[in-house]
Each structure stands twice: as C-alpha cells, then as structure tokens.
Protein backbone atom coordinates (compact mmCIF):
# COMPACT_ATOMS: atom_id res chain seq x y z
CA MET A 1 166.93 122.18 135.66
CA PHE A 2 165.05 125.32 136.54
CA GLU A 3 165.17 128.22 134.17
CA LEU A 4 165.32 131.82 135.32
CA VAL A 5 161.67 132.39 134.35
CA ASP A 6 160.60 129.45 136.53
CA LEU A 7 162.56 130.80 139.51
CA ILE A 8 161.09 134.29 139.08
CA GLY A 9 157.59 132.82 138.86
CA LEU A 10 158.15 130.76 142.00
CA LEU A 11 159.52 133.79 143.84
CA ILE A 12 156.44 135.83 142.90
CA ILE A 13 154.12 133.07 144.14
CA VAL A 14 156.01 132.84 147.44
CA MET A 15 155.95 136.62 147.93
CA LEU A 16 152.20 136.83 147.23
CA SER A 17 151.57 133.95 149.63
CA VAL A 18 153.53 135.69 152.41
CA ILE A 19 151.66 138.97 151.85
CA TRP A 20 148.32 137.12 151.88
CA TRP A 21 149.23 135.27 155.10
CA GLN A 22 150.38 138.47 156.81
CA GLY A 23 147.08 140.09 155.82
CA ILE A 24 145.10 137.32 157.49
CA THR A 25 147.25 137.50 160.63
CA SER A 26 146.92 141.30 160.78
CA LYS A 27 143.14 141.11 160.47
CA GLN A 28 143.00 138.61 163.35
CA ILE A 29 145.14 140.92 165.51
CA ALA A 30 142.91 143.88 164.64
CA LEU A 31 139.68 141.98 165.38
CA LYS A 32 140.97 140.76 168.74
CA ALA A 33 142.03 144.29 169.72
CA VAL A 34 138.68 145.78 168.65
CA LYS A 35 136.76 143.13 170.60
CA ARG A 36 138.79 143.94 173.71
CA TYR A 37 138.26 147.69 173.13
CA CYS A 38 134.48 147.23 172.80
CA LEU A 39 134.36 145.04 175.89
CA ASN A 40 136.25 147.64 177.93
CA LEU A 41 133.87 150.41 176.81
CA ASP A 42 130.77 148.22 177.24
CA ILE A 43 129.74 148.67 173.62
CA GLN A 44 128.67 146.05 171.10
CA LEU A 45 130.86 145.28 168.08
CA LEU A 46 128.47 144.96 165.16
CA ASP A 47 128.87 142.25 162.52
CA ASP A 48 131.77 140.83 164.58
CA SER A 49 134.23 142.06 161.98
CA VAL A 50 136.73 144.67 160.90
CA ALA A 51 137.19 145.91 157.33
CA LEU A 52 140.51 146.87 155.80
CA GLN A 53 140.31 150.47 154.61
CA ARG A 54 143.87 151.28 153.61
CA VAL A 55 147.38 149.80 153.40
CA SER A 56 150.51 151.90 153.03
CA LEU A 57 154.22 151.89 153.82
CA GLN A 58 155.25 154.22 156.65
CA ARG A 59 158.29 154.70 158.84
CA ASP A 60 157.98 154.06 162.56
CA SER A 61 159.68 156.07 165.33
CA ASN A 62 162.91 154.07 164.77
CA GLY A 63 162.95 154.85 161.05
CA THR A 64 162.02 151.29 160.04
CA THR A 65 159.61 151.03 157.11
CA ARG A 66 156.52 149.01 158.07
CA LEU A 67 153.18 148.11 156.55
CA HIS A 68 150.59 150.47 157.98
CA ARG A 69 147.02 149.11 157.90
CA VAL A 70 143.83 150.97 158.81
CA TYR A 71 140.75 148.92 159.71
CA LEU A 72 137.19 150.19 160.18
CA PHE A 73 134.58 148.69 162.47
CA GLU A 74 131.03 149.50 163.52
CA PHE A 75 129.59 149.36 167.01
CA SER A 76 126.49 150.28 168.98
CA SER A 77 126.18 151.56 172.50
CA THR A 78 122.39 151.41 172.74
CA GLY A 79 121.48 148.74 170.22
CA GLU A 80 119.67 151.31 168.06
CA GLN A 81 122.34 153.39 166.32
CA ARG A 82 125.47 152.40 164.46
CA TYR A 83 128.73 154.21 165.08
CA ARG A 84 132.10 153.85 163.39
CA GLY A 85 135.53 153.21 164.77
CA GLN A 86 139.02 152.92 163.35
CA LEU A 87 142.03 150.85 164.32
CA VAL A 88 145.56 151.56 163.08
CA LEU A 89 147.98 148.65 162.88
CA SER A 90 151.65 149.17 162.07
CA GLY A 91 153.93 146.21 161.60
CA GLY A 92 151.57 143.87 163.47
CA ARG A 93 151.18 146.21 166.46
CA VAL A 94 148.13 148.24 167.36
CA GLN A 95 149.03 151.93 167.23
CA ASN A 96 145.65 153.52 167.87
CA ILE A 97 141.94 152.82 168.23
CA GLU A 98 139.40 155.59 167.89
CA SER A 99 135.63 155.63 167.90
CA ASP A 100 132.87 158.09 167.10
CA VAL A 101 131.29 160.02 169.91
CA HIS A 102 128.40 157.86 171.12
CA ILE A 103 125.68 157.65 173.76
CA ILE A 104 126.88 156.02 176.97
CA ASN A 105 124.47 153.73 178.77
C-alpha cells in the first residue's frame, strides 16, 4: 500500500513534469510566432531561438489567473547589427511582440 509520503512525492513529480512540458510547448509557440513576425517584417531571426526572460502569474481580461511568460529574441535587418525583440505569452497565447527600432532595407 502507498503511504501518504509516497503519494505526496508522486504528486510533486507529476506537477513538475506538467510544468516542464508546458514550458517546452510555450517556447515552441513563442518561436513559431517570432519566426512568422520576422518573416512578415523581412528581418532575420538570429540564432533561430527565443530565450525565456521572466515567468509570472497575472490575471487576464476575464479575471482568470494565467502564467505570463516573456521571451527575448535577437534579429538583424541588414546582417550587420543585432537588435532585440520581446514576445509576451499569456496562457499559451501570444499577447504582444515588440522589436527595437531598426534599419529597414
């Protein structure tokens, strides 16, 4: 029979696994959105990646508490200079993408 300590340990492992899996899924959503953003602006996503900057709990417009993730990315418009951008993801949905002012080709 399981003891209470075993059940608590199993619950913690399951919760950490779910959080880890959601993190991977969120990063994939963010990367796909940033690639589409860069393609639309005719800029080059550098390093083909996004980096998690911050995670917090925030309420959405309906009052539901959601995980709020902020990802950073770097891009170039000329191939010479690096610029930074930021994507905000809330509950698995892209809320905002912003980028530094850059030279347009």
